[in-house]
Amino acid sequence: MATSEGVLQVLSGAAPRLLSSDLGSSNSDLALYSKCHFKSVKNKGSRYFKSLKCSSMIRCHIGSYNYRRLVGGFDRNAAINRLRLLGCKCQQADHGSGVGMDEGNGARFVDNANESNLSGSMNSQKKLEFEDSERLKREKEMLASAGTGTTTFYKSGIDSIEDEAWSLLRDSMVYYCGSPIGTIAANDPTDSGVLNYDQVFIRDFIPSGIALLLKGEYDIVKNFILHTLQLQSWEKTMDCHSPGQGLMPASFKVRSAPLDGDDSATVEVLDPDFGEAAIGRVAPVDSGLWWIILLRAYGKCSGDLSLQDRIDVQTGIRMILRLCLADGFDMFPTLLVTDGSCMIDRRMGIHGHPLEIQSLFFSALLSAREMLTPEDGSDDLTRALNNRLIALSFHIREYYWIDLVKVNEIYRYKTEEYSFDAVNKFNIYPDQISPWLVEWMPHKGGYLIGNLQPAHMDFRFFSLGNFWAIVSGLATTNQSHAILDLIEAKWADLVAEMPFKICYPALEGREWQIITGCDPKNTPWSYHNAGSWPTLLWQLTVACIKMNRPEIAAKAVAVAEKRISSDKWPEYYDTKKARFIGKQARLFQTWSIAGFLVAKLLLADPNAAKMLTTEEDSELVNAFSSLVCGNPRRKRGPKTYIV
């Protein structure tokens, strides 16, 4: 081993480092007596599991200390349930962790010649032994605290809600061959029906990743980015159909599989779900967009821009962009998606061009443009990206925006206008304006509607889409302030006893029956149908900080602090005023925990929010101004056709 360490010093000019399963290993690592290598294990026809074989019996586990708290403190019967996955039997290899992909499955080229550090040392046996000893020490302290009936959470020092949240977040971490690669969706000890809440969801991990970045713990975020990148190019099929290249999975799970040639040994594999196992079988459109946003945040926060410059990462960005920018039948610059393709992953009438997807799309386009490196043949992609940014920003700002003045304008619309300079371009019928909107819209304030299609405007207020429109700069400065004005004016409806309503108002009666299909989980004022989701705190906080109005977010955090811990960190709340814990809500929901932590951390250090925000681009502002000044309802110029 000393020889290999000496070779490493010669090649990289750096002191020897502990070997890791981190995918950031460089090509110079080929000279090492490496401990890990990738192997493809064929399973179920076209599905391939990329497995990482380890050099020792490393225990890869999901740490899950599950607490049941009483008013007086820690319950005597606290469950300390450590779910362990089977360890993988080691095999030594002569080469590093570069992975090549078939041309038909998206070629992946990894050039790490300039990278000499092997980030992280979680695979080190000494490191694991140290962590295990510390973990056992904590368990003993917890048991001692429970046995003596003390009122402290446990003796090692959880003396605040934030300390409790950090402990729960760390216990939700998922390990793959000794390295942390994400957090499970929920760690509820009272729930016997796990479903897919024991998986790592890309959208769910975003607040966890942001919280860890703000704490300076960069390795887990880097591991998550690289491992999900490898999943991007896997073959995925549903009923003999494969979706386009570049699709990111909704989630993945670490599981054990038999090792080739040895029935007594197992190897760990990452098993992704691209929607083929999800309720409704819908592909996750938002996963790739969130991945790009997190990649930019990682570079901004850690200062490590080498990750986004890697050839395989650049290829991943381009694959996502090509998938999103592909030509289709649609006449609008917005992304056309099906119901259930984002955070609202059940039928809720958001098919078409939902605001949440458009806000994330705009943010991902800006982030990608900032990170893309010049490359031969990429001019067409860059041109398409810039053109879409201009068209998308104009479309959303002009046609999705409503306030009291705009509602009155729609109320007076003429219909059936056949011309290029029609005022009512989408043939919206005034009778679509619901009575609730007339009464609810304040004199000061406005928002971006939930959806726009021919002869249809979804006037519901969708929180995430409006928050991220502010964060990304999709909404203008005036519109952003107006959205926050509306939140203040309608605090009793949108926040009440727990922030924040995922949408407002709820679908009820016949409308609920038709649009949701009588979904028993999305009953009025529950779950996605106007339920209250604590995880939305962090997006609200970023939006408020960007607009220099952090007091709004601080007020919402103060409301959440009153009960979220004693309620055991639920996934969502029910009823108009968010008085009840959700009917089917999981407890100890990870993104509820992480969302609270991110909100607290950003309020303590508002400057850190810059890793997520983007300012209005001067080119976009100028282009938008010229479109407006040139009459957005201008006539189309004549064209000459040569036959």
Foldseek 3Di string as FASTA:
>chain_A
DVVQQVQLCVLQVDHRDAADPFPLAAQSCLSHQDFWEWDWDDDDPQFTWTFIAGNDQDWWWQQAQAFDADPQAGALPGDRDTGTAGTFYTDTDNGDYDDFDDVVLATFDWHNSVDSDNPDNQLDPVNVVVVVVVVVVQVVQQNVCSVVVHSYNGDVDPPALLSVLVVLLSSQFGGGNRHTAFGFQFRFPVDPPCPRSNWGFLVLRLLVQLLCLLVVNQRNLSNNLVVQLVVQRGFDDAPNDTDARLATFRTWDWHWDADPPDRVGITITIGTHQQNPDVVSFGALLNSLSSLLSLLLSCVRNVPLVSLVTRRNLSSLVRNLCSQLPDDDDPALAGFGQQQRYPRNAQDPLGGRFLLRLLSVLLSLVSSLVRHDDDPPCPVSNVSSVVSNLRSLLCQQPPQKDALVRLVVLLPADAPDPALLHPCVLRAHNVVDDPVCNVLGDNFAIFGFGHDHRRDTRRKAALNSRLSCLQAVSYPLRNLVRHVVSCVVPVQQAQQQAAGFRIPFFQDDPRCCVRRVVDPQRYGQHDNRRWGALLCLQSNQLSCLVSVNNVVSVVNLVSCSVPCVVVQNWGTAGDRNRPGRGPPTRGRRSSSSSSSSNSVSCVVPVVSSVSNGDHDDPVSVVSSVCCVVVPVSDHDDDDDDDD
